[in-house]
Amino acid sequence: MAVRDVKLQPLVTEVLAVVNKVVLDARKPVVQQDGFRRLVLYLEDLQPILSQLQNVMVDDLPPGIQVGLDGIKADLHKFQPILHLCKTRSHLYLLVHCHVVVESIQETTHNIGQWLLLIPAPARTFHSKDLSLKTEELAHEMLQARFLVWRSNSSFAAPQCYVQCCCLLPPPSVCN
């Protein structure tokens, strides 16, 4: 008879809390709105997978799931300073450093995809092929995601062109 493992539910709850916080914080960025929007969509696809994991009955926590969940949580914690930076810095500062923001979004997305690859195999032991397939699909989508800085001839006058104008400035390494 299977009993709910006391270790899995709190860990999934912690990861869900971090995912929810990042989703809320990433909804209205100043720059790279498309990149943040795509990251939010990936994280929103992750939420039902995590919720389903919360309801899994196990006798023993498979190590792949714990490592994967810990990794996702750690990468989202590492990403939070970028979100804070995008809320507290001036538009011009963010335009100059938009490459760093884009690289961070892409790195976080790819890292979470890597961590998700650890979850499907142990999820099969829970007799949940649906969970396993959803997790694998999301992991592969996240690993293949590419985030680019948009190029445009738009002027800097309109706030909506910040994302498009971003590439007109030299990379941050040139500006330092």
Protein backbone atom coordinates (compact mmCIF):
# COMPACT_ATOMS: atom_id res chain seq x y z
CA MET A 1 0.00 0.00 0.00
CA ALA A 2 1.42 3.37 -1.01
CA VAL A 3 1.49 6.29 1.39
CA ARG A 4 2.14 9.94 0.62
CA ASP A 5 5.82 10.64 1.03
CA VAL A 6 6.27 13.61 3.33
CA LYS A 7 9.31 14.82 1.33
CA LEU A 8 7.71 15.17 -2.12
CA GLN A 9 4.74 17.42 -1.42
CA PRO A 10 6.64 20.17 0.47
CA LEU A 11 9.38 20.23 -2.18
CA VAL A 12 6.87 20.54 -5.02
CA THR A 13 5.03 23.22 -3.03
CA GLU A 14 8.27 25.20 -2.63
CA VAL A 15 9.03 24.95 -6.36
CA LEU A 16 5.47 25.97 -7.25
CA ALA A 17 5.78 29.01 -4.96
CA VAL A 18 8.99 30.12 -6.72
CA VAL A 19 7.46 29.47 -10.17
CA ASN A 20 4.38 31.53 -9.22
CA LYS A 21 6.54 34.40 -7.94
CA VAL A 22 8.64 34.50 -11.13
CA VAL A 23 5.50 34.33 -13.29
CA LEU A 24 4.00 37.31 -11.46
CA ASP A 25 7.23 39.32 -11.51
CA ALA A 26 7.92 38.62 -15.20
CA ARG A 27 4.55 39.74 -16.52
CA LYS A 28 5.37 43.43 -17.11
CA PRO A 29 9.05 43.93 -17.94
CA VAL A 30 10.43 47.15 -19.37
CA VAL A 31 12.58 45.44 -22.03
CA GLN A 32 12.50 42.11 -23.80
CA GLN A 33 8.77 41.74 -23.35
CA ASP A 34 8.63 38.86 -25.85
CA GLY A 35 11.36 36.95 -24.01
CA PHE A 36 9.71 37.35 -20.63
CA ARG A 37 6.31 36.48 -22.12
CA ARG A 38 7.69 33.23 -23.55
CA LEU A 39 9.38 32.35 -20.26
CA VAL A 40 6.09 32.97 -18.45
CA LEU A 41 4.28 30.67 -20.90
CA TYR A 42 6.82 27.89 -20.25
CA LEU A 43 6.47 28.35 -16.50
CA GLU A 44 2.67 28.32 -16.79
CA ASP A 45 2.97 25.00 -18.67
CA LEU A 46 5.16 23.75 -15.81
CA GLN A 47 2.60 24.64 -13.11
CA PRO A 48 0.09 21.83 -13.90
CA ILE A 49 2.94 19.31 -14.12
CA LEU A 50 4.10 20.34 -10.65
CA SER A 51 0.52 20.29 -9.35
CA GLN A 52 0.11 16.78 -10.68
CA LEU A 53 3.36 15.74 -8.98
CA GLN A 54 1.95 17.02 -5.69
CA ASN A 55 -0.82 14.44 -5.87
CA VAL A 56 1.46 11.49 -6.61
CA MET A 57 1.45 8.68 -4.07
CA VAL A 58 4.93 7.22 -3.45
CA ASP A 59 6.63 5.03 -0.91
CA ASP A 60 10.05 6.47 -1.59
CA LEU A 61 11.09 9.67 -3.38
CA PRO A 62 12.98 8.84 -6.59
CA PRO A 63 16.27 10.79 -6.67
CA GLY A 64 15.66 12.13 -10.20
CA ILE A 65 12.58 14.00 -9.10
CA GLN A 66 14.24 15.56 -6.06
CA VAL A 67 17.33 16.60 -8.05
CA GLY A 68 15.16 18.00 -10.85
CA LEU A 69 12.92 19.97 -8.51
CA ASP A 70 15.87 21.31 -6.51
CA GLY A 71 17.55 22.39 -9.75
CA ILE A 72 14.45 24.18 -11.04
CA LYS A 73 14.07 25.99 -7.73
CA ALA A 74 17.74 27.01 -7.68
CA ASP A 75 17.68 28.32 -11.26
CA LEU A 76 14.54 30.35 -10.64
CA HIS A 77 16.13 31.84 -7.51
CA LYS A 78 19.19 32.76 -9.61
CA PHE A 79 16.90 34.43 -12.18
CA GLN A 80 15.10 36.65 -9.65
CA PRO A 81 17.87 39.33 -9.54
CA ILE A 82 17.40 39.86 -13.30
CA LEU A 83 13.70 40.44 -12.71
CA HIS A 84 14.52 42.87 -9.91
CA LEU A 85 17.02 44.65 -12.16
CA CYS A 86 14.39 45.04 -14.87
CA LYS A 87 11.98 46.65 -12.41
CA THR A 88 14.41 49.01 -10.70
CA ARG A 89 16.74 50.29 -13.43
CA SER A 90 16.15 53.04 -15.96
CA HIS A 91 14.99 52.30 -19.49
CA LEU A 92 18.33 53.42 -20.92
CA TYR A 93 20.32 51.18 -18.58
CA LEU A 94 18.16 48.23 -19.58
CA LEU A 95 18.54 49.02 -23.28
CA VAL A 96 22.31 49.03 -22.96
CA HIS A 97 22.30 45.77 -21.01
CA CYS A 98 19.46 44.01 -22.83
CA HIS A 99 21.82 41.32 -24.12
CA VAL A 100 22.45 40.24 -20.54
CA VAL A 101 18.70 40.03 -19.92
CA VAL A 102 18.14 37.94 -23.05
CA GLU A 103 21.03 35.62 -22.20
CA SER A 104 19.69 35.16 -18.69
CA ILE A 105 16.17 34.35 -19.95
CA GLN A 106 17.55 31.81 -22.40
CA GLU A 107 19.95 30.24 -19.88
CA THR A 108 17.18 29.91 -17.27
CA THR A 109 14.81 28.37 -19.81
CA HIS A 110 17.43 25.86 -20.99
CA ASN A 111 18.47 24.96 -17.44
CA ILE A 112 14.88 24.27 -16.41
CA GLY A 113 14.50 22.11 -19.53
CA GLN A 114 17.56 20.11 -18.46
CA TRP A 115 16.17 19.64 -14.95
CA LEU A 116 12.82 18.53 -16.35
CA LEU A 117 14.53 15.72 -18.24
CA LEU A 118 15.32 14.14 -14.87
CA ILE A 119 11.64 13.97 -13.91
CA PRO A 120 9.95 11.87 -16.66
CA ALA A 121 11.72 8.56 -15.99
CA PRO A 122 10.87 8.49 -12.28
CA ALA A 123 7.36 9.72 -13.12
CA ARG A 124 6.80 6.50 -15.10
CA THR A 125 7.20 4.58 -11.85
CA PHE A 126 4.08 6.39 -10.63
CA HIS A 127 2.11 4.85 -13.53
CA SER A 128 1.55 8.30 -14.98
CA LYS A 129 2.49 8.23 -18.67
CA ASP A 130 0.59 11.48 -19.20
CA LEU A 131 2.76 13.30 -16.66
CA SER A 132 5.87 11.79 -18.16
CA LEU A 133 4.97 12.80 -21.72
CA LYS A 134 3.97 16.34 -20.75
CA THR A 135 7.21 16.77 -18.84
CA GLU A 136 9.34 15.45 -21.70
CA GLU A 137 7.58 17.64 -24.27
CA LEU A 138 7.98 20.76 -22.16
CA ALA A 139 11.63 19.93 -21.45
CA HIS A 140 12.41 19.58 -25.16
CA GLU A 141 10.55 22.80 -26.03
CA MET A 142 12.49 24.68 -23.36
CA LEU A 143 15.82 23.23 -24.51
CA GLN A 144 15.14 24.31 -28.09
CA ALA A 145 13.97 27.83 -27.19
CA ARG A 146 15.98 30.69 -28.65
CA PHE A 147 15.63 34.25 -27.38
CA LEU A 148 16.85 37.07 -29.58
CA VAL A 149 17.32 40.79 -29.25
CA TRP A 150 15.12 42.43 -31.85
CA ARG A 151 16.55 44.72 -34.51
CA SER A 152 14.64 47.68 -35.86
CA ASN A 153 15.10 51.13 -37.30
CA SER A 154 12.61 52.53 -34.81
CA SER A 155 13.53 55.60 -32.82
CA PHE A 156 13.89 55.67 -29.06
CA ALA A 157 10.98 58.07 -28.66
CA ALA A 158 8.19 55.56 -28.08
CA PRO A 159 8.35 53.25 -25.04
CA GLN A 160 6.91 50.37 -27.07
CA CYS A 161 10.01 50.34 -29.30
CA TYR A 162 12.41 49.52 -26.47
CA VAL A 163 12.46 45.85 -27.29
CA GLN A 164 12.90 46.50 -31.00
CA CYS A 165 15.59 49.16 -30.55
CA CYS A 166 17.64 47.11 -28.16
CA CYS A 167 20.09 45.83 -30.77
CA LEU A 168 20.96 49.28 -32.09
CA LEU A 169 23.19 49.84 -29.07
CA PRO A 170 26.57 48.10 -28.76
CA PRO A 171 26.78 44.99 -26.56
CA PRO A 172 27.35 45.67 -22.84
CA SER A 173 31.03 44.65 -23.03
CA VAL A 174 31.69 47.54 -25.44
CA CYS A 175 29.96 50.04 -23.13
CA ASN A 176 31.87 49.19 -19.97
